[in-house]
All heavy atoms as atom14 arrays in JSON, in Angstrom:
{
  "sequence": "TFCKTCGSSLFYRLTAPGPHEGDMFIGMGLLDDPNGVKLTEEVF",
  "atom14_mask": [
    [1, 1, 1, 1, 1, 1, 1, 0, 0, 0, 0, 0, 0, 0],
    [1, 1, 1, 1, 1, 1, 1, 1, 1, 1, 1, 0, 0, 0],
    [1, 1, 1, 1, 1, 1, 0, 0, 0, 0, 0, 0, 0, 0],
    [1, 1, 1, 1, 1, 1, 1, 1, 1, 0, 0, 0, 0, 0],
    [1, 1, 1, 1, 1, 1, 1, 0, 0, 0, 0, 0, 0, 0],
    [1, 1, 1, 1, 1, 1, 0, 0, 0, 0, 0, 0, 0, 0],
    [1, 1, 1, 1, 0, 0, 0, 0, 0, 0, 0, 0, 0, 0],
    [1, 1, 1, 1, 1, 1, 0, 0, 0, 0, 0, 0, 0, 0],
    [1, 1, 1, 1, 1, 1, 0, 0, 0, 0, 0, 0, 0, 0],
    [1, 1, 1, 1, 1, 1, 1, 1, 0, 0, 0, 0, 0, 0],
    [1, 1, 1, 1, 1, 1, 1, 1, 1, 1, 1, 0, 0, 0],
    [1, 1, 1, 1, 1, 1, 1, 1, 1, 1, 1, 1, 0, 0],
    [1, 1, 1, 1, 1, 1, 1, 1, 1, 1, 1, 0, 0, 0],
    [1, 1, 1, 1, 1, 1, 1, 1, 0, 0, 0, 0, 0, 0],
    [1, 1, 1, 1, 1, 1, 1, 0, 0, 0, 0, 0, 0, 0],
    [1, 1, 1, 1, 1, 0, 0, 0, 0, 0, 0, 0, 0, 0],
    [1, 1, 1, 1, 1, 1, 1, 0, 0, 0, 0, 0, 0, 0],
    [1, 1, 1, 1, 0, 0, 0, 0, 0, 0, 0, 0, 0, 0],
    [1, 1, 1, 1, 1, 1, 1, 0, 0, 0, 0, 0, 0, 0],
    [1, 1, 1, 1, 1, 1, 1, 1, 1, 1, 0, 0, 0, 0],
    [1, 1, 1, 1, 1, 1, 1, 1, 1, 0, 0, 0, 0, 0],
    [1, 1, 1, 1, 0, 0, 0, 0, 0, 0, 0, 0, 0, 0],
    [1, 1, 1, 1, 1, 1, 1, 1, 0, 0, 0, 0, 0, 0],
    [1, 1, 1, 1, 1, 1, 1, 1, 0, 0, 0, 0, 0, 0],
    [1, 1, 1, 1, 1, 1, 1, 1, 1, 1, 1, 0, 0, 0],
    [1, 1, 1, 1, 1, 1, 1, 1, 0, 0, 0, 0, 0, 0],
    [1, 1, 1, 1, 0, 0, 0, 0, 0, 0, 0, 0, 0, 0],
    [1, 1, 1, 1, 1, 1, 1, 1, 0, 0, 0, 0, 0, 0],
    [1, 1, 1, 1, 0, 0, 0, 0, 0, 0, 0, 0, 0, 0],
    [1, 1, 1, 1, 1, 1, 1, 1, 0, 0, 0, 0, 0, 0],
    [1, 1, 1, 1, 1, 1, 1, 1, 0, 0, 0, 0, 0, 0],
    [1, 1, 1, 1, 1, 1, 1, 1, 0, 0, 0, 0, 0, 0],
    [1, 1, 1, 1, 1, 1, 1, 1, 0, 0, 0, 0, 0, 0],
    [1, 1, 1, 1, 1, 1, 1, 0, 0, 0, 0, 0, 0, 0],
    [1, 1, 1, 1, 1, 1, 1, 1, 0, 0, 0, 0, 0, 0],
    [1, 1, 1, 1, 0, 0, 0, 0, 0, 0, 0, 0, 0, 0],
    [1, 1, 1, 1, 1, 1, 1, 0, 0, 0, 0, 0, 0, 0],
    [1, 1, 1, 1, 1, 1, 1, 1, 1, 0, 0, 0, 0, 0],
    [1, 1, 1, 1, 1, 1, 1, 1, 0, 0, 0, 0, 0, 0],
    [1, 1, 1, 1, 1, 1, 1, 0, 0, 0, 0, 0, 0, 0],
    [1, 1, 1, 1, 1, 1, 1, 1, 1, 0, 0, 0, 0, 0],
    [1, 1, 1, 1, 1, 1, 1, 1, 1, 0, 0, 0, 0, 0],
    [1, 1, 1, 1, 1, 1, 1, 0, 0, 0, 0, 0, 0, 0],
    [1, 1, 1, 1, 1, 1, 1, 1, 1, 1, 1, 0, 0, 0]
  ],
  "atom14_positions": [
    [[16.66, -16.69, -8.29], [17.39, -15.37, -8.29], [18.24, -15.28, -6.99], [17.93, -15.92, -6.0], [16.49, -14.17, -8.4], [15.66, -14.1, -7.25], [15.61, -14.23, -9.62], [0.0, 0.0, 0.0], [0.0, 0.0, 0.0], [0.0, 0.0, 0.0], [0.0, 0.0, 0.0], [0.0, 0.0, 0.0], [0.0, 0.0, 0.0], [0.0, 0.0, 0.0]],
    [[19.24, -14.41, -7.11], [20.14, -14.21, -5.96], [20.72, -12.84, -6.04], [20.73, -12.15, -7.11], [21.34, -15.26, -6.02], [22.08, -15.22, -7.27], [23.25, -14.41, -7.39], [21.73, -15.93, -8.38], [23.98, -14.43, -8.53], [22.4, -15.86, -9.59], [23.57, -15.12, -9.63], [0.0, 0.0, 0.0], [0.0, 0.0, 0.0], [0.0, 0.0, 0.0]],
    [[21.18, -12.28, -4.95], [21.81, -11.02, -4.95], [23.26, -11.12, -5.47], [24.02, -12.0, -4.94], [21.85, -10.38, -3.53], [22.75, -8.84, -3.42], [0.0, 0.0, 0.0], [0.0, 0.0, 0.0], [0.0, 0.0, 0.0], [0.0, 0.0, 0.0], [0.0, 0.0, 0.0], [0.0, 0.0, 0.0], [0.0, 0.0, 0.0], [0.0, 0.0, 0.0]],
    [[23.61, -10.37, -6.53], [24.9, -10.47, -7.04], [26.02, -9.86, -6.14], [27.16, -10.12, -6.31], [24.98, -9.75, -8.44], [24.17, -10.44, -9.49], [24.41, -9.89, -10.89], [23.76, -8.51, -11.08], [23.87, -8.06, -12.51], [0.0, 0.0, 0.0], [0.0, 0.0, 0.0], [0.0, 0.0, 0.0], [0.0, 0.0, 0.0], [0.0, 0.0, 0.0]],
    [[25.61, -9.11, -5.11], [26.55, -8.51, -4.22], [26.87, -9.43, -3.08], [28.04, -9.75, -2.8], [26.04, -7.16, -3.69], [25.7, -6.33, -4.8], [26.98, -6.46, -2.75], [0.0, 0.0, 0.0], [0.0, 0.0, 0.0], [0.0, 0.0, 0.0], [0.0, 0.0, 0.0], [0.0, 0.0, 0.0], [0.0, 0.0, 0.0], [0.0, 0.0, 0.0]],
    [[25.8, -9.93, -2.36], [26.07, -10.73, -1.13], [25.78, -12.24, -1.33], [26.13, -13.01, -0.46], [25.27, -10.18, 0.07], [23.45, -10.34, -0.15], [0.0, 0.0, 0.0], [0.0, 0.0, 0.0], [0.0, 0.0, 0.0], [0.0, 0.0, 0.0], [0.0, 0.0, 0.0], [0.0, 0.0, 0.0], [0.0, 0.0, 0.0], [0.0, 0.0, 0.0]],
    [[25.15, -12.62, -2.42], [24.83, -14.03, -2.69], [23.53, -14.54, -2.08], [23.29, -15.74, -2.25], [0.0, 0.0, 0.0], [0.0, 0.0, 0.0], [0.0, 0.0, 0.0], [0.0, 0.0, 0.0], [0.0, 0.0, 0.0], [0.0, 0.0, 0.0], [0.0, 0.0, 0.0], [0.0, 0.0, 0.0], [0.0, 0.0, 0.0], [0.0, 0.0, 0.0]],
    [[22.8, -13.71, -1.4], [21.57, -14.19, -0.76], [20.64, -14.79, -1.83], [20.37, -14.14, -2.88], [20.83, -13.07, -0.07], [21.54, -12.57, 1.03], [0.0, 0.0, 0.0], [0.0, 0.0, 0.0], [0.0, 0.0, 0.0], [0.0, 0.0, 0.0], [0.0, 0.0, 0.0], [0.0, 0.0, 0.0], [0.0, 0.0, 0.0], [0.0, 0.0, 0.0]],
    [[20.01, -15.89, -1.52], [18.92, -16.43, -2.38], [17.75, -15.52, -2.19], [17.39, -15.14, -1.03], [18.53, -17.83, -1.88], [19.62, -18.71, -1.98], [0.0, 0.0, 0.0], [0.0, 0.0, 0.0], [0.0, 0.0, 0.0], [0.0, 0.0, 0.0], [0.0, 0.0, 0.0], [0.0, 0.0, 0.0], [0.0, 0.0, 0.0], [0.0, 0.0, 0.0]],
    [[17.1, -15.1, -3.28], [15.97, -14.13, -3.2], [14.62, -14.75, -3.38], [13.83, -14.8, -2.52], [16.26, -13.01, -4.23], [17.5, -12.16, -3.98], [17.76, -11.17, -5.15], [17.43, -11.41, -2.62], [0.0, 0.0, 0.0], [0.0, 0.0, 0.0], [0.0, 0.0, 0.0], [0.0, 0.0, 0.0], [0.0, 0.0, 0.0], [0.0, 0.0, 0.0]],
    [[14.41, -15.17, -4.66], [13.08, -15.73, -4.96], [13.16, -16.66, -6.11], [14.07, -16.66, -6.96], [12.04, -14.65, -5.18], [12.42, -13.58, -6.22], [12.2, -13.81, -7.58], [13.0, -12.44, -5.83], [12.52, -12.8, -8.5], [13.34, -11.42, -6.73], [13.11, -11.61, -8.09], [0.0, 0.0, 0.0], [0.0, 0.0, 0.0], [0.0, 0.0, 0.0]],
    [[12.18, -17.52, -6.16], [11.95, -18.47, -7.24], [10.76, -17.93, -8.02], [9.76, -17.53, -7.41], [11.62, -19.81, -6.59], [11.18, -20.93, -7.54], [12.14, -21.75, -8.13], [9.85, -21.19, -7.81], [11.77, -22.8, -8.94], [9.43, -22.2, -8.66], [10.38, -22.97, -9.2], [10.02, -24.03, -10.02], [0.0, 0.0, 0.0], [0.0, 0.0, 0.0]],
    [[10.86, -17.77, -9.34], [9.8, -17.2, -10.15], [9.41, -18.1, -11.3], [10.26, -18.63, -12.04], [10.27, -15.83, -10.72], [9.23, -15.12, -11.57], [9.51, -13.75, -11.89], [10.93, -13.48, -12.14], [11.57, -12.28, -11.9], [10.85, -11.3, -11.4], [12.84, -12.13, -12.13], [0.0, 0.0, 0.0], [0.0, 0.0, 0.0], [0.0, 0.0, 0.0]],
    [[8.13, -18.26, -11.47], [7.6, -19.05, -12.58], [7.65, -18.21, -13.87], [7.19, -17.04, -13.86], [6.15, -19.5, -12.24], [6.04, -20.42, -11.08], [4.6, -20.58, -10.6], [6.66, -21.76, -11.32], [0.0, 0.0, 0.0], [0.0, 0.0, 0.0], [0.0, 0.0, 0.0], [0.0, 0.0, 0.0], [0.0, 0.0, 0.0], [0.0, 0.0, 0.0]],
    [[8.18, -18.79, -14.92], [8.34, -18.04, -16.18], [7.61, -18.52, -17.33], [7.51, -17.85, -18.32], [9.89, -18.04, -16.6], [10.3, -19.43, -16.69], [10.71, -17.39, -15.48], [0.0, 0.0, 0.0], [0.0, 0.0, 0.0], [0.0, 0.0, 0.0], [0.0, 0.0, 0.0], [0.0, 0.0, 0.0], [0.0, 0.0, 0.0], [0.0, 0.0, 0.0]],
    [[6.98, -19.74, -17.21], [6.24, -20.29, -18.34], [4.87, -19.54, -18.56], [4.25, -19.14, -17.56], [5.97, -21.73, -18.09], [0.0, 0.0, 0.0], [0.0, 0.0, 0.0], [0.0, 0.0, 0.0], [0.0, 0.0, 0.0], [0.0, 0.0, 0.0], [0.0, 0.0, 0.0], [0.0, 0.0, 0.0], [0.0, 0.0, 0.0], [0.0, 0.0, 0.0]],
    [[4.54, -19.35, -19.78], [3.23, -18.76, -20.1], [2.1, -19.52, -19.35], [2.16, -20.74, -19.29], [3.08, -18.85, -21.59], [4.49, -18.98, -22.06], [5.26, -19.73, -21.04], [0.0, 0.0, 0.0], [0.0, 0.0, 0.0], [0.0, 0.0, 0.0], [0.0, 0.0, 0.0], [0.0, 0.0, 0.0], [0.0, 0.0, 0.0], [0.0, 0.0, 0.0]],
    [[1.14, -18.81, -18.9], [0.0, -19.44, -18.21], [-0.43, -18.62, -17.06], [0.04, -17.51, -16.78], [0.0, 0.0, 0.0], [0.0, 0.0, 0.0], [0.0, 0.0, 0.0], [0.0, 0.0, 0.0], [0.0, 0.0, 0.0], [0.0, 0.0, 0.0], [0.0, 0.0, 0.0], [0.0, 0.0, 0.0], [0.0, 0.0, 0.0], [0.0, 0.0, 0.0]],
    [[-1.38, -19.14, -16.3], [-2.01, -18.38, -15.18], [-1.08, -18.07, -14.02], [-1.33, -17.18, -13.26], [-3.18, -19.25, -14.72], [-2.78, -20.59, -15.17], [-2.0, -20.46, -16.41], [0.0, 0.0, 0.0], [0.0, 0.0, 0.0], [0.0, 0.0, 0.0], [0.0, 0.0, 0.0], [0.0, 0.0, 0.0], [0.0, 0.0, 0.0], [0.0, 0.0, 0.0]],
    [[-0.01, -18.79, -13.95], [0.97, -18.53, -12.8], [2.22, -17.83, -13.22], [3.11, -17.61, -12.43], [1.31, -19.88, -12.15], [0.17, -20.56, -11.49], [-0.51, -20.19, -10.37], [-0.55, -21.68, -11.96], [-1.45, -20.9, -10.1], [-1.57, -21.87, -11.05], [0.0, 0.0, 0.0], [0.0, 0.0, 0.0], [0.0, 0.0, 0.0], [0.0, 0.0, 0.0]],
    [[2.34, -17.43, -14.52], [3.5, -16.73, -15.03], [3.78, -15.52, -14.19], [2.93, -14.69, -13.91], [3.38, -16.31, -16.44], [4.61, -15.69, -17.01], [4.5, -15.33, -18.46], [3.41, -15.47, -19.07], [5.5, -14.97, -19.09], [0.0, 0.0, 0.0], [0.0, 0.0, 0.0], [0.0, 0.0, 0.0], [0.0, 0.0, 0.0], [0.0, 0.0, 0.0]],
    [[5.0, -15.34, -13.68], [5.4, -14.22, -12.89], [5.22, -14.33, -11.39], [5.67, -13.6, -10.66], [0.0, 0.0, 0.0], [0.0, 0.0, 0.0], [0.0, 0.0, 0.0], [0.0, 0.0, 0.0], [0.0, 0.0, 0.0], [0.0, 0.0, 0.0], [0.0, 0.0, 0.0], [0.0, 0.0, 0.0], [0.0, 0.0, 0.0], [0.0, 0.0, 0.0]],
    [[4.49, -15.42, -10.94], [4.29, -15.68, -9.52], [5.67, -15.99, -8.99], [6.53, -16.61, -9.58], [3.39, -16.85, -9.3], [1.88, -16.55, -9.58], [1.57, -15.39, -9.94], [1.08, -17.45, -9.44], [0.0, 0.0, 0.0], [0.0, 0.0, 0.0], [0.0, 0.0, 0.0], [0.0, 0.0, 0.0], [0.0, 0.0, 0.0], [0.0, 0.0, 0.0]],
    [[5.93, -15.54, -7.71], [7.19, -15.71, -7.05], [7.0, -16.43, -5.69], [5.91, -16.34, -5.11], [7.86, -14.36, -6.77], [8.21, -13.59, -8.01], [9.08, -12.0, -7.68], [7.94, -11.12, -6.73], [0.0, 0.0, 0.0], [0.0, 0.0, 0.0], [0.0, 0.0, 0.0], [0.0, 0.0, 0.0], [0.0, 0.0, 0.0], [0.0, 0.0, 0.0]],
    [[8.06, -17.02, -5.28], [8.1, -17.65, -3.95], [9.38, -17.03, -3.32], [10.52, -17.38, -3.66], [8.15, -19.18, -4.08], [6.93, -19.69, -4.73], [6.86, -19.77, -6.1], [5.86, -20.06, -3.93], [5.7, -20.24, -6.68], [4.66, -20.54, -4.55], [4.55, -20.64, -5.93], [0.0, 0.0, 0.0], [0.0, 0.0, 0.0], [0.0, 0.0, 0.0]],
    [[9.13, -16.05, -2.45], [10.18, -15.26, -1.88], [10.64, -15.81, -0.54], [9.84, -16.21, 0.28], [9.65, -13.76, -1.64], [9.19, -13.21, -3.05], [10.68, -12.9, -0.91], [8.44, -11.93, -2.93], [0.0, 0.0, 0.0], [0.0, 0.0, 0.0], [0.0, 0.0, 0.0], [0.0, 0.0, 0.0], [0.0, 0.0, 0.0], [0.0, 0.0, 0.0]],
    [[11.96, -15.94, -0.36], [12.55, -16.46, 0.86], [12.05, -15.83, 2.11], [12.17, -14.61, 2.25], [0.0, 0.0, 0.0], [0.0, 0.0, 0.0], [0.0, 0.0, 0.0], [0.0, 0.0, 0.0], [0.0, 0.0, 0.0], [0.0, 0.0, 0.0], [0.0, 0.0, 0.0], [0.0, 0.0, 0.0], [0.0, 0.0, 0.0], [0.0, 0.0, 0.0]],
    [[11.52, -16.59, 2.97], [10.96, -16.12, 4.29], [12.09, -15.44, 5.09], [11.83, -14.48, 5.8], [10.32, -17.25, 5.09], [9.72, -16.73, 6.38], [8.9, -18.02, 7.26], [8.67, -17.26, 8.87], [0.0, 0.0, 0.0], [0.0, 0.0, 0.0], [0.0, 0.0, 0.0], [0.0, 0.0, 0.0], [0.0, 0.0, 0.0], [0.0, 0.0, 0.0]],
    [[13.3, -15.97, 5.0], [14.4, -15.38, 5.72], [14.81, -13.97, 5.35], [15.47, -13.3, 6.08], [0.0, 0.0, 0.0], [0.0, 0.0, 0.0], [0.0, 0.0, 0.0], [0.0, 0.0, 0.0], [0.0, 0.0, 0.0], [0.0, 0.0, 0.0], [0.0, 0.0, 0.0], [0.0, 0.0, 0.0], [0.0, 0.0, 0.0], [0.0, 0.0, 0.0]],
    [[14.23, -13.49, 4.21], [14.46, -12.07, 3.8], [13.62, -11.09, 4.52], [13.87, -9.92, 4.57], [14.21, -11.97, 2.29], [15.02, -12.83, 1.37], [14.59, -12.67, -0.09], [16.53, -12.57, 1.49], [0.0, 0.0, 0.0], [0.0, 0.0, 0.0], [0.0, 0.0, 0.0], [0.0, 0.0, 0.0], [0.0, 0.0, 0.0], [0.0, 0.0, 0.0]],
    [[12.48, -11.58, 5.16], [11.57, -10.68, 5.81], [12.22, -9.95, 6.95], [12.95, -10.5, 7.71], [10.37, -11.44, 6.38], [9.38, -12.11, 5.4], [8.35, -12.91, 6.08], [8.72, -11.06, 4.49], [0.0, 0.0, 0.0], [0.0, 0.0, 0.0], [0.0, 0.0, 0.0], [0.0, 0.0, 0.0], [0.0, 0.0, 0.0], [0.0, 0.0, 0.0]],
    [[11.94, -8.63, 7.01], [12.45, -7.81, 8.1], [11.84, -8.23, 9.46], [12.5, -8.2, 10.41], [12.27, -6.32, 7.83], [13.03, -5.82, 6.63], [14.1, -6.44, 6.28], [12.59, -4.89, 5.99], [0.0, 0.0, 0.0], [0.0, 0.0, 0.0], [0.0, 0.0, 0.0], [0.0, 0.0, 0.0], [0.0, 0.0, 0.0], [0.0, 0.0, 0.0]],
    [[10.55, -8.65, 9.35], [9.85, -9.13, 10.59], [9.06, -10.34, 10.25], [7.95, -10.24, 9.66], [8.98, -8.06, 11.14], [8.24, -8.46, 12.45], [8.51, -9.58, 12.93], [7.42, -7.69, 12.91], [0.0, 0.0, 0.0], [0.0, 0.0, 0.0], [0.0, 0.0, 0.0], [0.0, 0.0, 0.0], [0.0, 0.0, 0.0], [0.0, 0.0, 0.0]],
    [[9.6, -11.54, 10.46], [8.88, -12.77, 10.1], [7.83, -13.21, 11.11], [7.16, -14.22, 10.92], [10.0, -13.78, 9.94], [10.99, -13.35, 10.88], [10.91, -11.83, 10.93], [0.0, 0.0, 0.0], [0.0, 0.0, 0.0], [0.0, 0.0, 0.0], [0.0, 0.0, 0.0], [0.0, 0.0, 0.0], [0.0, 0.0, 0.0], [0.0, 0.0, 0.0]],
    [[7.65, -12.47, 12.17], [6.66, -12.88, 13.18], [5.25, -12.88, 12.59], [4.86, -12.05, 11.79], [6.7, -11.93, 14.35], [7.99, -12.13, 15.15], [8.37, -13.19, 15.46], [8.67, -11.0, 15.51], [0.0, 0.0, 0.0], [0.0, 0.0, 0.0], [0.0, 0.0, 0.0], [0.0, 0.0, 0.0], [0.0, 0.0, 0.0], [0.0, 0.0, 0.0]],
    [[4.47, -13.89, 13.02], [3.09, -14.01, 12.55], [2.91, -14.81, 11.3], [1.78, -14.98, 10.81], [0.0, 0.0, 0.0], [0.0, 0.0, 0.0], [0.0, 0.0, 0.0], [0.0, 0.0, 0.0], [0.0, 0.0, 0.0], [0.0, 0.0, 0.0], [0.0, 0.0, 0.0], [0.0, 0.0, 0.0], [0.0, 0.0, 0.0], [0.0, 0.0, 0.0]],
    [[3.98, -15.18, 10.7], [3.93, -16.02, 9.4], [3.9, -17.47, 9.79], [4.84, -17.93, 10.5], [5.08, -15.68, 8.46], [4.95, -16.53, 7.2], [5.14, -14.17, 8.15], [0.0, 0.0, 0.0], [0.0, 0.0, 0.0], [0.0, 0.0, 0.0], [0.0, 0.0, 0.0], [0.0, 0.0, 0.0], [0.0, 0.0, 0.0], [0.0, 0.0, 0.0]],
    [[2.87, -18.18, 9.43], [2.69, -19.55, 9.82], [3.04, -20.54, 8.72], [2.69, -20.3, 7.53], [1.17, -19.74, 10.2], [0.91, -21.14, 10.69], [-0.57, -21.31, 11.05], [-0.78, -22.73, 11.48], [-2.19, -22.99, 11.83], [0.0, 0.0, 0.0], [0.0, 0.0, 0.0], [0.0, 0.0, 0.0], [0.0, 0.0, 0.0], [0.0, 0.0, 0.0]],
    [[3.75, -21.6, 9.02], [4.09, -22.66, 8.1], [2.79, -23.46, 7.84], [2.26, -24.06, 8.84], [5.15, -23.58, 8.65], [5.5, -24.78, 7.81], [6.15, -24.34, 6.47], [6.54, -25.73, 8.55], [0.0, 0.0, 0.0], [0.0, 0.0, 0.0], [0.0, 0.0, 0.0], [0.0, 0.0, 0.0], [0.0, 0.0, 0.0], [0.0, 0.0, 0.0]],
    [[2.32, -23.5, 6.64], [1.05, -24.13, 6.31], [1.16, -25.25, 5.25], [0.28, -26.04, 5.1], [0.04, -23.13, 5.71], [0.6, -22.49, 4.53], [-0.29, -22.07, 6.81], [0.0, 0.0, 0.0], [0.0, 0.0, 0.0], [0.0, 0.0, 0.0], [0.0, 0.0, 0.0], [0.0, 0.0, 0.0], [0.0, 0.0, 0.0], [0.0, 0.0, 0.0]],
    [[2.32, -25.32, 4.53], [2.42, -26.26, 3.44], [3.88, -26.8, 3.3], [4.83, -26.06, 3.6], [2.02, -25.59, 2.14], [2.07, -26.46, 0.9], [1.5, -25.74, -0.33], [2.27, -24.78, -0.8], [0.44, -26.01, -0.77], [0.0, 0.0, 0.0], [0.0, 0.0, 0.0], [0.0, 0.0, 0.0], [0.0, 0.0, 0.0], [0.0, 0.0, 0.0]],
    [[4.03, -28.02, 2.88], [5.31, -28.57, 2.57], [5.17, -29.26, 1.19], [4.2, -29.95, 0.91], [5.7, -29.68, 3.58], [5.99, -29.15, 4.94], [6.3, -30.29, 5.89], [7.39, -30.93, 5.7], [5.58, -30.52, 6.88], [0.0, 0.0, 0.0], [0.0, 0.0, 0.0], [0.0, 0.0, 0.0], [0.0, 0.0, 0.0], [0.0, 0.0, 0.0]],
    [[6.16, -28.95, 0.28], [6.1, -29.5, -1.06], [7.36, -30.36, -1.29], [8.4, -30.16, -0.62], [5.98, -28.38, -2.15], [4.62, -27.71, -2.02], [7.06, -27.41, -2.05], [0.0, 0.0, 0.0], [0.0, 0.0, 0.0], [0.0, 0.0, 0.0], [0.0, 0.0, 0.0], [0.0, 0.0, 0.0], [0.0, 0.0, 0.0], [0.0, 0.0, 0.0]],
    [[7.26, -31.24, -2.22], [8.32, -32.18, -2.6], [8.62, -33.06, -1.33], [9.8, -33.33, -1.03], [9.55, -31.52, -3.14], [9.36, -30.95, -4.54], [8.89, -29.76, -4.77], [9.63, -31.89, -5.64], [8.6, -29.33, -6.08], [9.38, -31.35, -6.88], [8.93, -30.12, -7.12], [0.0, 0.0, 0.0], [0.0, 0.0, 0.0], [0.0, 0.0, 0.0]]
  ]
}
């Protein structure tokens, strides 16, 4: 997803039926205060 006004990338959302349907991965850069958020995982 993206903002249709400014183009910002917003979130990646799982859509397939199953236990993770609707789960999102929201861009950290969108946080008003990203302090205290630790990088714990790298994928791909």
